[in-house]
Amino acid sequence: MRFKLYSRRAIVAYAFDDEGTVGLRRRGGLGLLHTMDGIPHAVVKRSDVADVAVILACIDEDLGRDACRGRGVEVDV
């Protein structure tokens, strides 16, 4: 990841480890895990899919600050 944090609306992506793993959470700090029958699942609500997709595209394409901003994604170094 080029930047430490990527955010769009309520979703934030962050560097999870040094191997390039990306974590996703909400702005307030809550993760995207939900439980079903007591079992945690990493899921993305339908209303958040577009935001996650745009953020991940910025990361995948290694875009700079201005290019990400053009897609509605704010970054933090």
PDB file of N, CA and C in Angstrom:
ATOM      1  N   MET A   1       0.843  -1.178   0.000  1.00  0.00           N
ATOM      2  CA  MET A   1       0.000   0.000   0.000  1.00  0.00           C
ATOM      3  C   MET A   1       0.883   1.233   0.000  1.00  0.00           C
ATOM      4  N   ARG A   2       0.519   2.180  -0.804  1.00  0.00           N
ATOM      5  CA  ARG A   2       1.286   3.417  -0.883  1.00  0.00           C
ATOM      6  C   ARG A   2       1.042   4.306   0.334  1.00  0.00           C
ATOM      7  N   PHE A   3      -0.190   4.283   0.862  1.00  0.00           N
ATOM      8  CA  PHE A   3      -0.547   5.133   1.993  1.00  0.00           C
ATOM      9  C   PHE A   3      -0.958   4.286   3.194  1.00  0.00           C
ATOM     10  N   LYS A   4      -0.975   4.910   4.363  1.00  0.00           N
ATOM     11  CA  LYS A   4      -1.332   4.213   5.599  1.00  0.00           C
ATOM     12  C   LYS A   4      -2.827   3.927   5.680  1.00  0.00           C
ATOM     13  N   LEU A   5      -3.639   4.901   5.278  1.00  0.00           N
ATOM     14  CA  LEU A   5      -5.095   4.770   5.333  1.00  0.00           C
ATOM     15  C   LEU A   5      -5.735   5.257   4.046  1.00  0.00           C
ATOM     16  N   TYR A   6      -6.777   4.557   3.639  1.00  0.00           N
ATOM     17  CA  TYR A   6      -7.615   4.970   2.519  1.00  0.00           C
ATOM     18  C   TYR A   6      -9.036   5.007   3.054  1.00  0.00           C
ATOM     19  N   SER A   7      -9.789   6.057   2.766  1.00  0.00           N
ATOM     20  CA  SER A   7     -11.159   6.099   3.268  1.00  0.00           C
ATOM     21  C   SER A   7     -12.104   6.686   2.227  1.00  0.00           C
ATOM     22  N   ARG A   8     -13.299   6.147   2.241  1.00  0.00           N
ATOM     23  CA  ARG A   8     -14.374   6.657   1.385  1.00  0.00           C
ATOM     24  C   ARG A   8     -15.665   6.449   2.148  1.00  0.00           C
ATOM     25  N   ARG A   9     -16.367   7.541   2.390  1.00  0.00           N
ATOM     26  CA  ARG A   9     -17.583   7.539   3.208  1.00  0.00           C
ATOM     27  C   ARG A   9     -17.314   6.829   4.537  1.00  0.00           C
ATOM     28  N   ALA A  10     -17.999   5.745   4.832  1.00  0.00           N
ATOM     29  CA  ALA A  10     -17.882   5.104   6.146  1.00  0.00           C
ATOM     30  C   ALA A  10     -16.792   4.043   6.226  1.00  0.00           C
ATOM     31  N   ILE A  11     -16.138   3.718   5.098  1.00  0.00           N
ATOM     32  CA  ILE A  11     -15.189   2.603   5.056  1.00  0.00           C
ATOM     33  C   ILE A  11     -13.748   3.094   5.073  1.00  0.00           C
ATOM     34  N   VAL A  12     -12.905   2.405   5.834  1.00  0.00           N
ATOM     35  CA  VAL A  12     -11.481   2.701   5.910  1.00  0.00           C
ATOM     36  C   VAL A  12     -10.714   1.419   5.605  1.00  0.00           C
ATOM     37  N   ALA A  13      -9.692   1.517   4.767  1.00  0.00           N
ATOM     38  CA  ALA A  13      -8.773   0.417   4.515  1.00  0.00           C
ATOM     39  C   ALA A  13      -7.427   0.806   5.105  1.00  0.00           C
ATOM     40  N   TYR A  14      -6.735  -0.152   5.686  1.00  0.00           N
ATOM     41  CA  TYR A  14      -5.460   0.127   6.334  1.00  0.00           C
ATOM     42  C   TYR A  14      -4.500  -1.034   6.110  1.00  0.00           C
ATOM     43  N   ALA A  15      -3.213  -0.747   6.210  1.00  0.00           N
ATOM     44  CA  ALA A  15      -2.197  -1.786   6.090  1.00  0.00           C
ATOM     45  C   ALA A  15      -2.273  -2.671   7.327  1.00  0.00           C
ATOM     46  N   PHE A  16      -2.529  -3.947   7.131  1.00  0.00           N
ATOM     47  CA  PHE A  16      -2.688  -4.881   8.250  1.00  0.00           C
ATOM     48  C   PHE A  16      -1.337  -5.440   8.690  1.00  0.00           C
ATOM     49  N   ASP A  17      -0.451  -5.692   7.720  1.00  0.00           N
ATOM     50  CA  ASP A  17       0.870  -6.219   8.042  1.00  0.00           C
ATOM     51  C   ASP A  17       1.869  -5.791   6.963  1.00  0.00           C
ATOM     52  N   ASP A  18       3.110  -6.230   7.105  1.00  0.00           N
ATOM     53  CA  ASP A  18       4.161  -5.858   6.163  1.00  0.00           C
ATOM     54  C   ASP A  18       4.109  -6.653   4.860  1.00  0.00           C
ATOM     55  N   GLU A  19       3.215  -7.620   4.766  1.00  0.00           N
ATOM     56  CA  GLU A  19       3.114  -8.453   3.568  1.00  0.00           C
ATOM     57  C   GLU A  19       2.094  -7.924   2.566  1.00  0.00           C
ATOM     58  N   GLY A  20       1.498  -6.769   2.846  1.00  0.00           N
ATOM     59  CA  GLY A  20       0.544  -6.171   1.926  1.00  0.00           C
ATOM     60  C   GLY A  20      -0.903  -6.527   2.194  1.00  0.00           C
ATOM     61  N   THR A  21      -1.172  -7.191   3.308  1.00  0.00           N
ATOM     62  CA  THR A  21      -2.545  -7.524   3.662  1.00  0.00           C
ATOM     63  C   THR A  21      -3.297  -6.241   4.025  1.00  0.00           C
ATOM     64  N   VAL A  22      -4.518  -6.129   3.519  1.00  0.00           N
ATOM     65  CA  VAL A  22      -5.331  -4.932   3.737  1.00  0.00           C
ATOM     66  C   VAL A  22      -6.455  -5.250   4.706  1.00  0.00           C
ATOM     67  N   GLY A  23      -6.600  -4.431   5.736  1.00  0.00           N
ATOM     68  CA  GLY A  23      -7.710  -4.551   6.676  1.00  0.00           C
ATOM     69  C   GLY A  23      -8.801  -3.559   6.314  1.00  0.00           C
ATOM     70  N   LEU A  24     -10.028  -3.906   6.624  1.00  0.00           N
ATOM     71  CA  LEU A  24     -11.162  -3.015   6.386  1.00  0.00           C
ATOM     72  C   LEU A  24     -11.914  -2.802   7.691  1.00  0.00           C
ATOM     73  N   ARG A  25     -12.352  -1.574   7.915  1.00  0.00           N
ATOM     74  CA  ARG A  25     -13.141  -1.257   9.105  1.00  0.00           C
ATOM     75  C   ARG A  25     -14.020  -0.056   8.794  1.00  0.00           C
ATOM     76  N   ARG A  26     -14.884   0.272   9.732  1.00  0.00           N
ATOM     77  CA  ARG A  26     -15.706   1.481   9.629  1.00  0.00           C
ATOM     78  C   ARG A  26     -14.932   2.634  10.251  1.00  0.00           C
ATOM     79  N   ARG A  27     -15.313   3.861   9.913  1.00  0.00           N
ATOM     80  CA  ARG A  27     -14.621   5.048  10.439  1.00  0.00           C
ATOM     81  C   ARG A  27     -14.565   5.069  11.964  1.00  0.00           C
ATOM     82  N   GLY A  28     -15.608   4.625  12.609  1.00  0.00           N
ATOM     83  CA  GLY A  28     -15.646   4.631  14.070  1.00  0.00           C
ATOM     84  C   GLY A  28     -14.769   3.576  14.718  1.00  0.00           C
ATOM     85  N   GLY A  29     -14.110   2.745  13.914  1.00  0.00           N
ATOM     86  CA  GLY A  29     -13.217   1.724  14.444  1.00  0.00           C
ATOM     87  C   GLY A  29     -13.789   0.323  14.422  1.00  0.00           C
ATOM     88  N   LEU A  30     -15.097   0.202  14.203  1.00  0.00           N
ATOM     89  CA  LEU A  30     -15.692  -1.129  14.161  1.00  0.00           C
ATOM     90  C   LEU A  30     -15.233  -1.876  12.917  1.00  0.00           C
ATOM     91  N   GLY A  31     -14.918  -3.149  13.092  1.00  0.00           N
ATOM     92  CA  GLY A  31     -14.542  -3.975  11.955  1.00  0.00           C
ATOM     93  C   GLY A  31     -15.764  -4.357  11.142  1.00  0.00           C
ATOM     94  N   LEU A  32     -15.542  -5.069  10.069  1.00  0.00           N
ATOM     95  CA  LEU A  32     -16.641  -5.490   9.218  1.00  0.00           C
ATOM     96  C   LEU A  32     -17.109  -6.901   9.541  1.00  0.00           C
ATOM     97  N   LEU A  33     -16.726  -7.430  10.693  1.00  0.00           N
ATOM     98  CA  LEU A  33     -17.171  -8.762  11.090  1.00  0.00           C
ATOM     99  C   LEU A  33     -18.607  -8.731  11.591  1.00  0.00           C
ATOM    100  N   HIS A  34     -19.376  -9.701  11.191  1.00  0.00           N
ATOM    101  CA  HIS A  34     -20.734  -9.893  11.683  1.00  0.00           C
ATOM    102  C   HIS A  34     -20.843 -11.333  12.148  1.00  0.00           C
ATOM    103  N   THR A  35     -21.728 -11.585  13.100  1.00  0.00           N
ATOM    104  CA  THR A  35     -21.899 -12.958  13.555  1.00  0.00           C
ATOM    105  C   THR A  35     -23.216 -13.529  13.044  1.00  0.00           C
ATOM    106  N   MET A  36     -23.168 -14.793  12.712  1.00  0.00           N
ATOM    107  CA  MET A  36     -24.357 -15.531  12.311  1.00  0.00           C
ATOM    108  C   MET A  36     -24.299 -16.855  13.049  1.00  0.00           C
ATOM    109  N   ASP A  37     -25.296 -17.095  13.876  1.00  0.00           N
ATOM    110  CA  ASP A  37     -25.316 -18.292  14.711  1.00  0.00           C
ATOM    111  C   ASP A  37     -24.070 -18.386  15.589  1.00  0.00           C
ATOM    112  N   GLY A  38     -23.585 -17.226  16.038  1.00  0.00           N
ATOM    113  CA  GLY A  38     -22.437 -17.187  16.930  1.00  0.00           C
ATOM    114  C   GLY A  38     -21.092 -17.311  16.234  1.00  0.00           C
ATOM    115  N   ILE A  39     -21.082 -17.394  14.921  1.00  0.00           N
ATOM    116  CA  ILE A  39     -19.838 -17.543  14.164  1.00  0.00           C
ATOM    117  C   ILE A  39     -19.521 -16.229  13.463  1.00  0.00           C
ATOM    118  N   PRO A  40     -18.311 -15.680  13.687  1.00  0.00           N
ATOM    119  CA  PRO A  40     -17.961 -14.420  13.028  1.00  0.00           C
ATOM    120  C   PRO A  40     -17.661 -14.639  11.544  1.00  0.00           C
ATOM    121  N   HIS A  41     -18.114 -13.692  10.720  1.00  0.00           N
ATOM    122  CA  HIS A  41     -17.882 -13.726   9.281  1.00  0.00           C
ATOM    123  C   HIS A  41     -17.399 -12.361   8.837  1.00  0.00           C
ATOM    124  N   ALA A  42     -16.401 -12.341   7.964  1.00  0.00           N
ATOM    125  CA  ALA A  42     -15.941 -11.087   7.372  1.00  0.00           C
ATOM    126  C   ALA A  42     -16.840 -10.813   6.170  1.00  0.00           C
ATOM    127  N   VAL A  43     -17.687  -9.822   6.282  1.00  0.00           N
ATOM    128  CA  VAL A  43     -18.649  -9.524   5.224  1.00  0.00           C
ATOM    129  C   VAL A  43     -18.673  -8.032   4.934  1.00  0.00           C
ATOM    130  N   VAL A  44     -19.152  -7.685   3.767  1.00  0.00           N
ATOM    131  CA  VAL A  44     -19.327  -6.292   3.387  1.00  0.00           C
ATOM    132  C   VAL A  44     -20.798  -6.099   3.063  1.00  0.00           C
ATOM    133  N   LYS A  45     -21.427  -5.153   3.739  1.00  0.00           N
ATOM    134  CA  LYS A  45     -22.832  -4.862   3.458  1.00  0.00           C
ATOM    135  C   LYS A  45     -22.976  -4.350   2.033  1.00  0.00           C
ATOM    136  N   ARG A  46     -24.086  -4.659   1.419  1.00  0.00           N
ATOM    137  CA  ARG A  46     -24.330  -4.228   0.034  1.00  0.00           C
ATOM    138  C   ARG A  46     -24.141  -2.726  -0.129  1.00  0.00           C
ATOM    139  N   SER A  47     -24.559  -1.957   0.867  1.00  0.00           N
ATOM    140  CA  SER A  47     -24.441  -0.498   0.780  1.00  0.00           C
ATOM    141  C   SER A  47     -22.984  -0.026   0.807  1.00  0.00           C
ATOM    142  N   ASP A  48     -22.055  -0.888   1.234  1.00  0.00           N
ATOM    143  CA  ASP A  48     -20.639  -0.525   1.320  1.00  0.00           C
ATOM    144  C   ASP A  48     -19.795  -1.098   0.184  1.00  0.00           C
ATOM    145  N   VAL A  49     -20.362  -1.961  -0.642  1.00  0.00           N
ATOM    146  CA  VAL A  49     -19.588  -2.652  -1.681  1.00  0.00           C
ATOM    147  C   VAL A  49     -18.895  -1.671  -2.626  1.00  0.00           C
ATOM    148  N   ALA A  50     -19.603  -0.653  -3.104  1.00  0.00           N
ATOM    149  CA  ALA A  50     -19.003   0.304  -4.037  1.00  0.00           C
ATOM    150  C   ALA A  50     -17.814   1.016  -3.405  1.00  0.00           C
ATOM    151  N   ASP A  51     -17.939   1.411  -2.128  1.00  0.00           N
ATOM    152  CA  ASP A  51     -16.837   2.102  -1.454  1.00  0.00           C
ATOM    153  C   ASP A  51     -15.623   1.187  -1.317  1.00  0.00           C
ATOM    154  N   VAL A  52     -15.858  -0.061  -0.925  1.00  0.00           N
ATOM    155  CA  VAL A  52     -14.764  -1.024  -0.782  1.00  0.00           C
ATOM    156  C   VAL A  52     -14.092  -1.244  -2.137  1.00  0.00           C
ATOM    157  N   ALA A  53     -14.889  -1.392  -3.186  1.00  0.00           N
ATOM    158  CA  ALA A  53     -14.340  -1.640  -4.524  1.00  0.00           C
ATOM    159  C   ALA A  53     -13.458  -0.485  -4.995  1.00  0.00           C
ATOM    160  N   VAL A  54     -13.905   0.748  -4.784  1.00  0.00           N
ATOM    161  CA  VAL A  54     -13.124   1.911  -5.225  1.00  0.00           C
ATOM    162  C   VAL A  54     -11.836   2.027  -4.423  1.00  0.00           C
ATOM    163  N   ILE A  55     -11.918   1.812  -3.120  1.00  0.00           N
ATOM    164  CA  ILE A  55     -10.719   1.866  -2.278  1.00  0.00           C
ATOM    165  C   ILE A  55      -9.722   0.802  -2.722  1.00  0.00           C
ATOM    166  N   LEU A  56     -10.191  -0.429  -2.904  1.00  0.00           N
ATOM    167  CA  LEU A  56      -9.289  -1.512  -3.300  1.00  0.00           C
ATOM    168  C   LEU A  56      -8.703  -1.270  -4.690  1.00  0.00           C
ATOM    169  N   ALA A  57      -9.455  -0.633  -5.575  1.00  0.00           N
ATOM    170  CA  ALA A  57      -8.922  -0.301  -6.901  1.00  0.00           C
ATOM    171  C   ALA A  57      -7.782   0.711  -6.775  1.00  0.00           C
ATOM    172  N   CYS A  58      -7.919   1.693  -5.891  1.00  0.00           N
ATOM    173  CA  CYS A  58      -6.838   2.658  -5.669  1.00  0.00           C
ATOM    174  C   CYS A  58      -5.578   1.951  -5.171  1.00  0.00           C
ATOM    175  N   ILE A  59      -5.765   1.001  -4.269  1.00  0.00           N
ATOM    176  CA  ILE A  59      -4.629   0.248  -3.731  1.00  0.00           C
ATOM    177  C   ILE A  59      -4.022  -0.631  -4.819  1.00  0.00           C
ATOM    178  N   ASP A  60      -4.868  -1.358  -5.539  1.00  0.00           N
ATOM    179  CA  ASP A  60      -4.401  -2.273  -6.566  1.00  0.00           C
ATOM    180  C   ASP A  60      -3.646  -1.546  -7.673  1.00  0.00           C
ATOM    181  N   GLU A  61      -4.137  -0.393  -8.069  1.00  0.00           N
ATOM    182  CA  GLU A  61      -3.511   0.374  -9.147  1.00  0.00           C
ATOM    183  C   GLU A  61      -2.380   1.269  -8.647  1.00  0.00           C
ATOM    184  N   ASP A  62      -2.125   1.253  -7.317  1.00  0.00           N
ATOM    185  CA  ASP A  62      -1.057   2.032  -6.699  1.00  0.00           C
ATOM    186  C   ASP A  62      -1.162   3.512  -7.075  1.00  0.00           C
ATOM    187  N   LEU A  63      -2.381   4.038  -6.991  1.00  0.00           N
ATOM    188  CA  LEU A  63      -2.639   5.422  -7.382  1.00  0.00           C
ATOM    189  C   LEU A  63      -2.110   6.409  -6.356  1.00  0.00           C
ATOM    190  N   GLY A  64      -1.777   7.583  -6.804  1.00  0.00           N
ATOM    191  CA  GLY A  64      -1.336   8.660  -5.937  1.00  0.00           C
ATOM    192  C   GLY A  64      -2.510   9.365  -5.288  1.00  0.00           C
ATOM    193  N   ARG A  65      -2.190  10.329  -4.450  1.00  0.00           N
ATOM    194  CA  ARG A  65      -3.201  11.065  -3.686  1.00  0.00           C
ATOM    195  C   ARG A  65      -4.248  11.723  -4.590  1.00  0.00           C
ATOM    196  N   ASP A  66      -3.810  12.425  -5.626  1.00  0.00           N
ATOM    197  CA  ASP A  66      -4.753  13.141  -6.486  1.00  0.00           C
ATOM    198  C   ASP A  66      -5.649  12.197  -7.269  1.00  0.00           C
ATOM    199  N   ALA A  67      -5.088  11.106  -7.764  1.00  0.00           N
ATOM    200  CA  ALA A  67      -5.890  10.136  -8.510  1.00  0.00           C
ATOM    201  C   ALA A  67      -6.924   9.484  -7.598  1.00  0.00           C
ATOM    202  N   CYS A  68      -6.541   9.169  -6.363  1.00  0.00           N
ATOM    203  CA  CYS A  68      -7.502   8.598  -5.408  1.00  0.00           C
ATOM    204  C   CYS A  68      -8.583   9.621  -5.087  1.00  0.00           C
ATOM    205  N   ARG A  69      -8.177  10.844  -4.835  1.00  0.00           N
ATOM    206  CA  ARG A  69      -9.146  11.903  -4.531  1.00  0.00           C
ATOM    207  C   ARG A  69     -10.157  12.056  -5.681  1.00  0.00           C
ATOM    208  N   GLY A  70      -9.676  11.921  -6.917  1.00  0.00           N
ATOM    209  CA  GLY A  70     -10.550  11.998  -8.074  1.00  0.00           C
ATOM    210  C   GLY A  70     -11.615  10.914  -8.079  1.00  0.00           C
ATOM    211  N   ARG A  71     -11.351   9.820  -7.377  1.00  0.00           N
ATOM    212  CA  ARG A  71     -12.315   8.733  -7.255  1.00  0.00           C
ATOM    213  C   ARG A  71     -13.120   8.804  -5.958  1.00  0.00           C
ATOM    214  N   GLY A  72     -12.888   9.862  -5.195  1.00  0.00           N
ATOM    215  CA  GLY A  72     -13.629  10.031  -3.942  1.00  0.00           C
ATOM    216  C   GLY A  72     -12.992   9.358  -2.747  1.00  0.00           C
ATOM    217  N   VAL A  73     -11.726   8.977  -2.871  1.00  0.00           N
ATOM    218  CA  VAL A  73     -11.025   8.290  -1.794  1.00  0.00           C
ATOM    219  C   VAL A  73      -9.984   9.246  -1.202  1.00  0.00           C
ATOM    220  N   GLU A  74     -10.047   9.423   0.113  1.00  0.00           N
ATOM    221  CA  GLU A  74      -9.051  10.241   0.815  1.00  0.00           C
ATOM    222  C   GLU A  74      -7.973   9.315   1.346  1.00  0.00           C
ATOM    223  N   VAL A  75      -6.729   9.809   1.343  1.00  0.00           N
ATOM    224  CA  VAL A  75      -5.610   8.997   1.829  1.00  0.00           C
ATOM    225  C   VAL A  75      -4.876   9.734   2.929  1.00  0.00           C
ATOM    226  N   ASP A  76      -4.179   8.971   3.754  1.00  0.00           N
ATOM    227  CA  ASP A  76      -3.377   9.517   4.838  1.00  0.00           C
ATOM    228  C   ASP A  76      -2.031   8.789   4.820  1.00  0.00           C
ATOM    229  N   VAL A  77      -0.972   9.555   4.906  1.00  0.00           N
ATOM    230  CA  VAL A  77       0.359   8.964   4.821  1.00  0.00           C
ATOM    231  C   VAL A  77       0.714   8.243   6.040  1.00  0.00           C
TER     232      VAL A  77
END
